[in-house]
Amino acid sequence: MTNSQPTLINFSHNDVTRVEKDITGKVIQGNPTQGSWLHCDIKEAGARFGQWECQAGTFRAKMDGIVEFCHILEGKAYITNLANGAVHTVRAGDSFVMEAEFDGEWLVSTYVKKSFVICDVKG
């Protein structure tokens, strides 16, 4: 989003529509419906900033050509690294990065919401 007048984007005051995420083929168990609010998309930098939420369930997520920074706002999830089986518990207040090609399985027992920054990996 190139703007001749750069602005400050406050996620809590920005009127952005929630978009349902299509996770067809990635659901393992339950009905982990997901939605996101894309607050800023800087195409020339390959960077996206927003918030995401997910209901209870288990799903697979691979960081295909992207790196993602996450900060958990609400709830808790268990993320299994499918390469080595390590399980990481993330909860409100935690921040973490999923590196490019990270292949994980998310288990959300009730609900989770996070802020994110996604950057394309330039190869």
N, C-alpha and C. Protein backbone atom coordinates (compact mmCIF):
# COMPACT_ATOMS: atom_id res chain seq x y z
N MET A 1 0.85 -1.16 0.00
CA MET A 1 0.00 0.00 0.00
C MET A 1 0.90 1.22 0.00
N THR A 2 1.16 1.75 -1.16
CA THR A 2 1.94 2.97 -1.25
C THR A 2 0.98 4.13 -1.15
N ASN A 3 1.32 5.08 -0.32
CA ASN A 3 0.43 6.20 -0.08
C ASN A 3 1.25 7.47 -0.16
N SER A 4 0.75 8.48 -0.87
CA SER A 4 1.50 9.74 -0.95
C SER A 4 1.54 10.42 0.41
N GLN A 5 0.62 10.08 1.27
CA GLN A 5 0.58 10.60 2.64
C GLN A 5 0.65 9.41 3.59
N PRO A 6 1.85 8.99 4.00
CA PRO A 6 1.96 7.84 4.91
C PRO A 6 1.13 8.06 6.17
N THR A 7 0.54 6.97 6.64
CA THR A 7 -0.32 7.04 7.82
C THR A 7 0.12 6.04 8.86
N LEU A 8 -0.43 6.19 10.04
CA LEU A 8 -0.28 5.21 11.11
C LEU A 8 -1.55 4.38 11.10
N ILE A 9 -1.41 3.07 11.06
CA ILE A 9 -2.56 2.18 11.01
C ILE A 9 -2.72 1.51 12.37
N ASN A 10 -3.77 1.87 13.07
CA ASN A 10 -4.06 1.29 14.38
C ASN A 10 -5.03 0.13 14.17
N PHE A 11 -4.60 -1.09 14.47
CA PHE A 11 -5.43 -2.26 14.23
C PHE A 11 -6.77 -2.18 14.96
N SER A 12 -6.80 -1.58 16.14
CA SER A 12 -8.05 -1.54 16.91
C SER A 12 -8.99 -0.44 16.43
N HIS A 13 -8.52 0.47 15.59
CA HIS A 13 -9.37 1.56 15.12
C HIS A 13 -9.59 1.54 13.61
N ASN A 14 -9.04 0.54 12.93
CA ASN A 14 -9.14 0.45 11.49
C ASN A 14 -10.39 -0.35 11.11
N ASP A 15 -11.25 0.20 10.30
CA ASP A 15 -12.47 -0.47 9.88
C ASP A 15 -12.18 -1.40 8.70
N VAL A 16 -11.78 -2.63 9.02
CA VAL A 16 -11.41 -3.61 8.01
C VAL A 16 -12.40 -4.78 8.10
N THR A 17 -12.84 -5.26 6.97
CA THR A 17 -13.78 -6.37 6.92
C THR A 17 -13.08 -7.70 7.17
N ARG A 18 -13.71 -8.54 8.00
CA ARG A 18 -13.20 -9.89 8.25
C ARG A 18 -13.44 -10.74 7.01
N VAL A 19 -12.40 -11.49 6.59
CA VAL A 19 -12.49 -12.37 5.43
C VAL A 19 -12.31 -13.80 5.91
N GLU A 20 -13.23 -14.67 5.53
CA GLU A 20 -13.14 -16.09 5.87
C GLU A 20 -12.01 -16.72 5.05
N LYS A 21 -11.15 -17.50 5.71
CA LYS A 21 -10.03 -18.13 5.04
C LYS A 21 -10.43 -19.53 4.59
N ASP A 22 -10.12 -19.87 3.35
CA ASP A 22 -10.42 -21.19 2.82
C ASP A 22 -9.28 -22.14 3.18
N ILE A 23 -9.58 -23.12 4.03
CA ILE A 23 -8.56 -24.09 4.43
C ILE A 23 -8.94 -25.51 3.97
N THR A 24 -9.67 -25.56 2.88
CA THR A 24 -10.05 -26.84 2.29
C THR A 24 -8.81 -27.71 2.07
N GLY A 25 -8.88 -28.95 2.53
CA GLY A 25 -7.77 -29.87 2.36
C GLY A 25 -6.73 -29.79 3.46
N LYS A 26 -6.87 -28.84 4.37
CA LYS A 26 -5.88 -28.69 5.45
C LYS A 26 -6.43 -29.10 6.82
N VAL A 27 -7.74 -29.28 6.91
CA VAL A 27 -8.38 -29.63 8.18
C VAL A 27 -8.11 -31.10 8.51
N ILE A 28 -7.67 -31.33 9.74
CA ILE A 28 -7.39 -32.67 10.21
C ILE A 28 -8.53 -33.15 11.11
N GLN A 29 -9.03 -32.23 11.96
CA GLN A 29 -10.09 -32.59 12.90
C GLN A 29 -10.89 -31.35 13.28
N GLY A 30 -12.18 -31.53 13.52
CA GLY A 30 -13.03 -30.44 13.97
C GLY A 30 -13.42 -29.51 12.83
N ASN A 31 -13.76 -28.29 13.21
CA ASN A 31 -14.18 -27.27 12.25
C ASN A 31 -13.44 -25.96 12.55
N PRO A 32 -12.12 -25.95 12.29
CA PRO A 32 -11.32 -24.77 12.66
C PRO A 32 -11.54 -23.59 11.69
N THR A 33 -12.76 -23.05 11.69
CA THR A 33 -13.02 -21.92 10.80
C THR A 33 -12.08 -20.78 11.16
N GLN A 34 -11.60 -20.11 10.12
CA GLN A 34 -10.60 -19.07 10.29
C GLN A 34 -11.02 -17.81 9.56
N GLY A 35 -10.69 -16.69 10.16
CA GLY A 35 -10.95 -15.41 9.53
C GLY A 35 -9.77 -14.49 9.75
N SER A 36 -9.64 -13.50 8.87
CA SER A 36 -8.55 -12.55 9.05
C SER A 36 -8.98 -11.15 8.65
N TRP A 37 -8.25 -10.21 9.19
CA TRP A 37 -8.42 -8.79 8.88
C TRP A 37 -7.08 -8.31 8.36
N LEU A 38 -7.00 -7.98 7.08
CA LEU A 38 -5.75 -7.50 6.49
C LEU A 38 -5.74 -5.98 6.60
N HIS A 39 -4.92 -5.48 7.50
CA HIS A 39 -4.88 -4.04 7.78
C HIS A 39 -3.95 -3.28 6.85
N CYS A 40 -2.92 -3.97 6.34
CA CYS A 40 -1.94 -3.29 5.49
C CYS A 40 -1.28 -4.33 4.58
N ASP A 41 -1.22 -4.01 3.29
CA ASP A 41 -0.61 -4.90 2.30
C ASP A 41 0.35 -4.07 1.45
N ILE A 42 1.65 -4.28 1.67
CA ILE A 42 2.66 -3.53 0.93
C ILE A 42 3.21 -4.46 -0.15
N LYS A 43 2.57 -4.46 -1.29
CA LYS A 43 2.89 -5.40 -2.36
C LYS A 43 4.34 -5.31 -2.83
N GLU A 44 4.88 -4.08 -2.98
CA GLU A 44 6.25 -3.95 -3.47
C GLU A 44 7.27 -4.51 -2.49
N ALA A 45 6.90 -4.66 -1.23
CA ALA A 45 7.81 -5.24 -0.23
C ALA A 45 7.46 -6.70 0.06
N GLY A 46 6.33 -7.17 -0.46
CA GLY A 46 5.90 -8.54 -0.18
C GLY A 46 5.56 -8.75 1.27
N ALA A 47 4.95 -7.73 1.90
CA ALA A 47 4.64 -7.80 3.33
C ALA A 47 3.17 -7.52 3.58
N ARG A 48 2.58 -8.31 4.49
CA ARG A 48 1.19 -8.15 4.88
C ARG A 48 1.08 -8.12 6.40
N PHE A 49 0.21 -7.26 6.91
CA PHE A 49 0.05 -7.05 8.34
C PHE A 49 -1.42 -7.16 8.70
N GLY A 50 -1.73 -7.91 9.74
CA GLY A 50 -3.13 -8.04 10.10
C GLY A 50 -3.37 -8.85 11.35
N GLN A 51 -4.61 -9.31 11.46
CA GLN A 51 -5.01 -10.15 12.57
C GLN A 51 -5.75 -11.36 12.02
N TRP A 52 -5.71 -12.45 12.78
CA TRP A 52 -6.27 -13.72 12.35
C TRP A 52 -6.90 -14.38 13.56
N GLU A 53 -7.97 -15.13 13.32
CA GLU A 53 -8.60 -15.90 14.40
C GLU A 53 -8.97 -17.28 13.90
N CYS A 54 -9.08 -18.22 14.85
CA CYS A 54 -9.41 -19.59 14.50
C CYS A 54 -10.24 -20.21 15.62
N GLN A 55 -11.28 -20.94 15.23
CA GLN A 55 -12.11 -21.69 16.17
C GLN A 55 -11.46 -23.06 16.43
N ALA A 56 -12.05 -23.83 17.33
CA ALA A 56 -11.50 -25.13 17.74
C ALA A 56 -11.35 -26.09 16.57
N GLY A 57 -10.22 -26.78 16.57
CA GLY A 57 -9.96 -27.79 15.55
C GLY A 57 -8.47 -27.96 15.32
N THR A 58 -8.14 -28.85 14.42
CA THR A 58 -6.75 -29.14 14.08
C THR A 58 -6.59 -28.99 12.57
N PHE A 59 -5.52 -28.31 12.17
CA PHE A 59 -5.27 -28.09 10.75
C PHE A 59 -3.77 -28.03 10.49
N ARG A 60 -3.42 -28.21 9.24
CA ARG A 60 -2.02 -28.17 8.83
C ARG A 60 -1.73 -26.83 8.15
N ALA A 61 -0.55 -26.28 8.42
CA ALA A 61 -0.14 -25.02 7.79
C ALA A 61 1.35 -25.09 7.46
N LYS A 62 1.68 -24.85 6.20
CA LYS A 62 3.09 -24.83 5.78
C LYS A 62 3.43 -23.43 5.30
N MET A 63 4.59 -22.96 5.69
CA MET A 63 5.05 -21.63 5.31
C MET A 63 5.74 -21.71 3.95
N ASP A 64 4.93 -21.88 2.92
CA ASP A 64 5.43 -22.00 1.54
C ASP A 64 5.87 -20.64 1.01
N GLY A 65 7.17 -20.40 1.00
CA GLY A 65 7.71 -19.16 0.44
C GLY A 65 7.45 -17.92 1.26
N ILE A 66 7.09 -18.11 2.52
CA ILE A 66 6.82 -16.96 3.41
C ILE A 66 7.45 -17.19 4.78
N VAL A 67 7.65 -16.09 5.49
CA VAL A 67 8.05 -16.10 6.90
C VAL A 67 6.94 -15.36 7.62
N GLU A 68 6.54 -15.86 8.79
CA GLU A 68 5.45 -15.21 9.52
C GLU A 68 5.84 -14.95 10.98
N PHE A 69 5.69 -13.69 11.39
CA PHE A 69 5.80 -13.29 12.79
C PHE A 69 4.40 -13.29 13.36
N CYS A 70 4.21 -13.87 14.55
CA CYS A 70 2.90 -13.93 15.20
C CYS A 70 3.01 -13.43 16.63
N HIS A 71 1.96 -12.76 17.07
CA HIS A 71 1.81 -12.37 18.48
C HIS A 71 0.41 -12.79 18.90
N ILE A 72 0.33 -13.73 19.84
CA ILE A 72 -0.96 -14.26 20.28
C ILE A 72 -1.65 -13.23 21.18
N LEU A 73 -2.87 -12.89 20.81
CA LEU A 73 -3.67 -11.91 21.55
C LEU A 73 -4.63 -12.57 22.53
N GLU A 74 -5.23 -13.67 22.10
CA GLU A 74 -6.21 -14.39 22.92
C GLU A 74 -6.06 -15.88 22.71
N GLY A 75 -6.38 -16.64 23.73
CA GLY A 75 -6.43 -18.09 23.60
C GLY A 75 -5.10 -18.78 23.65
N LYS A 76 -5.12 -20.03 23.17
CA LYS A 76 -3.94 -20.88 23.23
C LYS A 76 -4.01 -21.89 22.10
N ALA A 77 -2.84 -22.28 21.59
CA ALA A 77 -2.75 -23.31 20.55
C ALA A 77 -1.50 -24.14 20.79
N TYR A 78 -1.52 -25.34 20.24
CA TYR A 78 -0.37 -26.23 20.27
C TYR A 78 0.06 -26.42 18.82
N ILE A 79 1.31 -26.07 18.53
CA ILE A 79 1.82 -26.16 17.16
C ILE A 79 2.88 -27.25 17.13
N THR A 80 2.64 -28.28 16.33
CA THR A 80 3.59 -29.38 16.19
C THR A 80 4.44 -29.14 14.95
N ASN A 81 5.76 -29.19 15.13
CA ASN A 81 6.69 -29.12 14.01
C ASN A 81 6.72 -30.51 13.39
N LEU A 82 6.16 -30.64 12.19
CA LEU A 82 6.05 -31.96 11.57
C LEU A 82 7.40 -32.54 11.16
N ALA A 83 8.44 -31.72 11.07
CA ALA A 83 9.77 -32.21 10.71
C ALA A 83 10.42 -32.99 11.85
N ASN A 84 10.15 -32.57 13.10
CA ASN A 84 10.83 -33.23 14.22
C ASN A 84 9.90 -33.64 15.36
N GLY A 85 8.62 -33.35 15.25
CA GLY A 85 7.66 -33.76 16.28
C GLY A 85 7.57 -32.85 17.50
N ALA A 86 8.40 -31.81 17.56
CA ALA A 86 8.37 -30.91 18.72
C ALA A 86 7.04 -30.17 18.77
N VAL A 87 6.46 -30.12 19.97
CA VAL A 87 5.19 -29.43 20.17
C VAL A 87 5.46 -28.13 20.95
N HIS A 88 4.98 -27.03 20.40
CA HIS A 88 5.15 -25.71 21.01
C HIS A 88 3.79 -25.20 21.46
N THR A 89 3.68 -24.83 22.73
CA THR A 89 2.45 -24.23 23.24
C THR A 89 2.59 -22.73 23.12
N VAL A 90 1.61 -22.09 22.47
CA VAL A 90 1.61 -20.63 22.36
C VAL A 90 0.32 -20.12 22.96
N ARG A 91 0.43 -19.03 23.74
CA ARG A 91 -0.74 -18.48 24.43
C ARG A 91 -0.66 -16.97 24.42
N ALA A 92 -1.74 -16.34 24.86
CA ALA A 92 -1.82 -14.88 24.89
C ALA A 92 -0.55 -14.29 25.50
N GLY A 93 0.05 -13.34 24.76
CA GLY A 93 1.28 -12.69 25.19
C GLY A 93 2.53 -13.23 24.51
N ASP A 94 2.45 -14.42 23.92
CA ASP A 94 3.61 -15.02 23.26
C ASP A 94 3.79 -14.45 21.85
N SER A 95 5.05 -14.31 21.45
CA SER A 95 5.43 -13.91 20.10
C SER A 95 6.39 -14.96 19.56
N PHE A 96 6.30 -15.23 18.26
CA PHE A 96 7.18 -16.23 17.66
C PHE A 96 7.23 -16.02 16.15
N VAL A 97 8.19 -16.68 15.51
CA VAL A 97 8.35 -16.63 14.06
C VAL A 97 8.31 -18.06 13.53
N MET A 98 7.56 -18.24 12.45
CA MET A 98 7.59 -19.50 11.71
C MET A 98 8.40 -19.22 10.45
N GLU A 99 9.56 -19.86 10.35
CA GLU A 99 10.47 -19.61 9.22
C GLU A 99 9.92 -20.22 7.94
N ALA A 100 10.49 -19.77 6.83
CA ALA A 100 10.10 -20.29 5.52
C ALA A 100 10.21 -21.80 5.50
N GLU A 101 9.22 -22.45 4.92
CA GLU A 101 9.11 -23.90 4.75
C GLU A 101 8.78 -24.63 6.04
N PHE A 102 8.58 -23.91 7.17
CA PHE A 102 8.12 -24.57 8.39
C PHE A 102 6.81 -25.28 8.08
N ASP A 103 6.73 -26.54 8.44
CA ASP A 103 5.54 -27.35 8.19
C ASP A 103 4.98 -27.74 9.55
N GLY A 104 3.79 -27.22 9.86
CA GLY A 104 3.25 -27.43 11.19
C GLY A 104 1.80 -27.87 11.20
N GLU A 105 1.42 -28.38 12.36
CA GLU A 105 0.04 -28.76 12.62
C GLU A 105 -0.42 -27.98 13.84
N TRP A 106 -1.49 -27.21 13.69
CA TRP A 106 -2.06 -26.41 14.77
C TRP A 106 -3.22 -27.15 15.40
N LEU A 107 -3.20 -27.24 16.72
CA LEU A 107 -4.33 -27.74 17.50
C LEU A 107 -4.86 -26.58 18.33
N VAL A 108 -6.07 -26.14 18.01
CA VAL A 108 -6.71 -25.05 18.75
C VAL A 108 -7.85 -25.70 19.53
N SER A 109 -7.74 -25.68 20.88
CA SER A 109 -8.76 -26.37 21.69
C SER A 109 -10.07 -25.59 21.78
N THR A 110 -10.01 -24.27 21.83
CA THR A 110 -11.22 -23.46 21.94
C THR A 110 -11.22 -22.33 20.92
N TYR A 111 -10.25 -21.44 21.02
CA TYR A 111 -10.19 -20.24 20.17
C TYR A 111 -8.81 -19.63 20.31
N VAL A 112 -8.32 -19.05 19.22
CA VAL A 112 -7.06 -18.31 19.27
C VAL A 112 -7.15 -17.13 18.31
N LYS A 113 -6.53 -16.01 18.71
CA LYS A 113 -6.46 -14.82 17.87
C LYS A 113 -5.04 -14.29 17.95
N LYS A 114 -4.53 -13.85 16.79
CA LYS A 114 -3.15 -13.34 16.75
C LYS A 114 -3.05 -12.15 15.81
N SER A 115 -2.03 -11.34 16.04
CA SER A 115 -1.59 -10.35 15.07
C SER A 115 -0.46 -11.00 14.30
N PHE A 116 -0.33 -10.63 13.02
CA PHE A 116 0.71 -11.26 12.21
C PHE A 116 1.36 -10.26 11.27
N VAL A 117 2.59 -10.63 10.89
CA VAL A 117 3.31 -9.97 9.79
C VAL A 117 3.81 -11.13 8.93
N ILE A 118 3.42 -11.11 7.65
CA ILE A 118 3.86 -12.14 6.72
C ILE A 118 4.72 -11.47 5.66
N CYS A 119 5.90 -12.04 5.43
CA CYS A 119 6.82 -11.52 4.42
C CYS A 119 7.14 -12.61 3.41
N ASP A 120 7.09 -12.26 2.14
CA ASP A 120 7.48 -13.20 1.10
C ASP A 120 8.99 -13.41 1.16
N VAL A 121 9.42 -14.64 0.90
CA VAL A 121 10.84 -14.94 0.86
C VAL A 121 11.29 -14.78 -0.58
N LYS A 122 12.24 -13.92 -0.77
CA LYS A 122 12.77 -13.68 -2.12
C LYS A 122 13.95 -14.61 -2.33
N GLY A 123 13.89 -15.40 -3.38
CA GLY A 123 14.92 -16.39 -3.57
C GLY A 123 15.72 -16.11 -4.72
